[in-house]
C-alpha atoms as a PDB file:
ATOM      1  CA  UNK A   1      82.506  94.298  99.053  1.00  0.00           C
ATOM      2  CA  UNK A   2      85.392  92.223  97.791  1.00  0.00           C
ATOM      3  CA  UNK A   3      88.537  91.415 100.349  1.00  0.00           C
ATOM      4  CA  UNK A   4      91.496  91.270  98.289  1.00  0.00           C
ATOM      5  CA  UNK A   5      94.208  89.108  99.218  1.00  0.00           C
ATOM      6  CA  UNK A   6      97.805  90.454  99.394  1.00  0.00           C
ATOM      7  CA  UNK A   7      98.673  89.499  95.718  1.00  0.00           C
ATOM      8  CA  UNK A   8      95.274  90.845  94.365  1.00  0.00           C
ATOM      9  CA  UNK A   9      95.818  94.073  96.005  1.00  0.00           C
ATOM     10  CA  UNK A  10      99.397  94.473  94.628  1.00  0.00           C
ATOM     11  CA  UNK A  11      98.441  93.417  91.359  1.00  0.00           C
ATOM     12  CA  UNK A  12      95.448  95.910  91.110  1.00  0.00           C
ATOM     13  CA  UNK A  13      97.215  98.723  92.320  1.00  0.00           C
ATOM     14  CA  UNK A  14     100.260  98.506  90.030  1.00  0.00           C
ATOM     15  CA  UNK A  15      98.069  97.331  87.101  1.00  0.00           C
ATOM     16  CA  UNK A  16      99.805  94.230  86.507  1.00  0.00           C
ATOM     17  CA  UNK A  17      98.937  91.625  83.994  1.00  0.00           C
ATOM     18  CA  UNK A  18      99.067  89.100  86.556  1.00  0.00           C
ATOM     19  CA  UNK A  19      95.549  89.930  87.750  1.00  0.00           C
ATOM     20  CA  UNK A  20      93.039  87.978  85.918  1.00  0.00           C
ATOM     21  CA  UNK A  21      90.513  89.480  83.678  1.00  0.00           C
ATOM     22  CA  UNK A  22      87.847  87.813  85.803  1.00  0.00           C
ATOM     23  CA  UNK A  23      89.365  89.567  88.954  1.00  0.00           C
ATOM     24  CA  UNK A  24      89.753  92.753  87.310  1.00  0.00           C
ATOM     25  CA  UNK A  25      86.013  92.973  86.005  1.00  0.00           C
ATOM     26  CA  UNK A  26      85.089  92.034  89.626  1.00  0.00           C
ATOM     27  CA  UNK A  27      86.811  94.632  91.279  1.00  0.00           C
ATOM     28  CA  UNK A  28      85.870  97.421  88.766  1.00  0.00           C
ATOM     29  CA  UNK A  29      82.090  96.381  89.385  1.00  0.00           C
ATOM     30  CA  UNK A  30      82.209  96.376  93.103  1.00  0.00           C
ATOM     31  CA  UNK A  31      81.597  99.402  94.984  1.00  0.00           C
ATOM     32  CA  UNK A  32      83.952  98.673  97.824  1.00  0.00           C
ATOM     33  CA  UNK A  33      87.376  96.911  98.125  1.00  0.00           C
ATOM     34  CA  UNK A  34      88.619  95.665 101.553  1.00  0.00           C
ATOM     35  CA  UNK A  35      92.263  94.918 102.448  1.00  0.00           C
ATOM     36  CA  UNK A  36      93.514  92.997 105.652  1.00  0.00           C
ATOM     37  CA  UNK A  37      95.987  95.008 107.896  1.00  0.00           C
ATOM     38  CA  UNK A  38      98.100  92.109 107.633  1.00  0.00           C
ATOM     39  CA  UNK A  39      98.434  92.354 103.825  1.00  0.00           C
ATOM     40  CA  UNK A  40     100.660  95.508 104.723  1.00  0.00           C
ATOM     41  CA  UNK A  41     102.806  93.541 106.665  1.00  0.00           C
ATOM     42  CA  UNK A  42     103.178  90.898 104.017  1.00  0.00           C
ATOM     43  CA  UNK A  43     104.117  93.384 101.309  1.00  0.00           C
ATOM     44  CA  UNK A  44     106.681  94.941 103.619  1.00  0.00           C
ATOM     45  CA  UNK A  45     108.110  91.554 104.627  1.00  0.00           C
ATOM     46  CA  UNK A  46     108.441  90.896 100.470  1.00  0.00           C
ATOM     47  CA  UNK A  47     110.138  94.034 100.053  1.00  0.00           C
ATOM     48  CA  UNK A  48     112.790  93.265 103.001  1.00  0.00           C
ATOM     49  CA  UNK A  49     113.163  89.949 101.541  1.00  0.00           C
ATOM     50  CA  UNK A  50     113.973  91.622  98.074  1.00  0.00           C
ATOM     51  CA  UNK A  51     111.299  89.721  96.373  1.00  0.00           C
ATOM     52  CA  UNK A  52     109.251  92.956  95.308  1.00  0.00           C
ATOM     53  CA  UNK A  53     110.416  96.284  94.994  1.00  0.00           C
ATOM     54  CA  UNK A  54     108.906  99.804  94.250  1.00  0.00           C
ATOM     55  CA  UNK A  55     109.946 103.144  92.986  1.00  0.00           C
ATOM     56  CA  UNK A  56     109.540 104.715  96.567  1.00  0.00           C
ATOM     57  CA  UNK A  57     110.009 103.343 100.072  1.00  0.00           C
ATOM     58  CA  UNK A  58     107.514 100.541 101.141  1.00  0.00           C
ATOM     59  CA  UNK A  59     105.814 102.647 104.015  1.00  0.00           C
ATOM     60  CA  UNK A  60     104.970 105.477 101.370  1.00  0.00           C
ATOM     61  CA  UNK A  61     103.825 102.717  98.826  1.00  0.00           C
ATOM     62  CA  UNK A  62     101.479 101.276 101.424  1.00  0.00           C
ATOM     63  CA  UNK A  63     100.033 104.567 102.123  1.00  0.00           C
ATOM     64  CA  UNK A  64      99.447 105.629  98.696  1.00  0.00           C
ATOM     65  CA  UNK A  65      97.981 102.035  97.848  1.00  0.00           C
ATOM     66  CA  UNK A  66      95.663 102.427 100.466  1.00  0.00           C
ATOM     67  CA  UNK A  67      94.260 105.952  99.365  1.00  0.00           C
ATOM     68  CA  UNK A  68      93.113 104.195  95.944  1.00  0.00           C
ATOM     69  CA  UNK A  69      89.624 104.755  95.356  1.00  0.00           C
ATOM     70  CA  UNK A  70      87.228 102.148  97.028  1.00  0.00           C
ATOM     71  CA  UNK A  71      89.823 100.680  98.993  1.00  0.00           C
ATOM     72  CA  UNK A  72      89.354 100.315 102.743  1.00  0.00           C
ATOM     73  CA  UNK A  73      91.616  98.759 105.430  1.00  0.00           C
ATOM     74  CA  UNK A  74      90.393  96.171 107.834  1.00  0.00           C
ATOM     75  CA  UNK A  75      92.126  94.864 110.783  1.00  0.00           C
ATOM     76  CA  UNK A  76      92.349  91.160 111.582  1.00  0.00           C
ATOM     77  CA  UNK A  77      89.777  90.660 114.616  1.00  0.00           C
ATOM     78  CA  UNK A  78      90.465  87.756 117.145  1.00  0.00           C
ATOM     79  CA  UNK A  79      87.585  85.800 115.892  1.00  0.00           C
ATOM     80  CA  UNK A  80      88.708  85.617 112.333  1.00  0.00           C
ATOM     81  CA  UNK A  81      92.216  85.074 113.659  1.00  0.00           C
ATOM     82  CA  UNK A  82      91.102  81.905 115.560  1.00  0.00           C
ATOM     83  CA  UNK A  83      88.848  80.656 112.822  1.00  0.00           C
ATOM     84  CA  UNK A  84      91.799  80.841 110.602  1.00  0.00           C
ATOM     85  CA  UNK A  85      93.957  78.536 112.891  1.00  0.00           C
ATOM     86  CA  UNK A  86      91.294  75.977 112.862  1.00  0.00           C
ATOM     87  CA  UNK A  87      91.000  75.544 108.921  1.00  0.00           C
ATOM     88  CA  UNK A  88      91.220  72.136 107.646  1.00  0.00           C
ATOM     89  CA  UNK A  89      93.418  71.846 104.606  1.00  0.00           C
ATOM     90  CA  UNK A  90      95.561  74.878 105.554  1.00  0.00           C
ATOM     91  CA  UNK A  91      98.490  75.085 102.965  1.00  0.00           C
ATOM     92  CA  UNK A  92     100.907  76.918 105.238  1.00  0.00           C
ATOM     93  CA  UNK A  93     100.584  80.864 104.522  1.00  0.00           C
ATOM     94  CA  UNK A  94      99.196  82.472 107.467  1.00  0.00           C
ATOM     95  CA  UNK A  95      97.902  85.243 105.374  1.00  0.00           C
ATOM     96  CA  UNK A  96      95.835  83.543 102.762  1.00  0.00           C
ATOM     97  CA  UNK A  97      93.050  82.336 104.776  1.00  0.00           C
ATOM     98  CA  UNK A  98      90.481  84.747 103.940  1.00  0.00           C
ATOM     99  CA  UNK A  99      88.594  82.607 101.316  1.00  0.00           C
ATOM    100  CA  UNK A 100      87.710  80.131 103.879  1.00  0.00           C
ATOM    101  CA  UNK A 101      86.278  82.792 106.078  1.00  0.00           C
ATOM    102  CA  UNK A 102      82.838  83.820 104.727  1.00  0.00           C
ATOM    103  CA  UNK A 103      83.245  87.772 105.612  1.00  0.00           C
ATOM    104  CA  UNK A 104      82.782  88.696 101.936  1.00  0.00           C
ATOM    105  CA  UNK A 105      83.507  87.803  98.336  1.00  0.00           C
ATOM    106  CA  UNK A 106      87.030  86.793  97.749  1.00  0.00           C
ATOM    107  CA  UNK A 107      89.119  87.284  94.589  1.00  0.00           C
END
């Protein structure tokens, strides 16, 4: 399983060239992709701030993006949230902590 951060999920679903070839190959070779529920919030916030846009409303885009093959939605459990808050070298983005929590492979 690969846990996709918000940008990797967005770039994968939209087939963006911003997704590296190495990331794309790893995604194509894995049997399961995971997306944290907070990534839905982060995408909605980016739309609200007019940093990204879609050809449909954000709720519909998220619903369709979660229906892509191999993608499953994971909730952020309390233990992971507490571990994230205790990270040293925290760079300030409350969503981008998955790489330091050894739940699964990270892109």
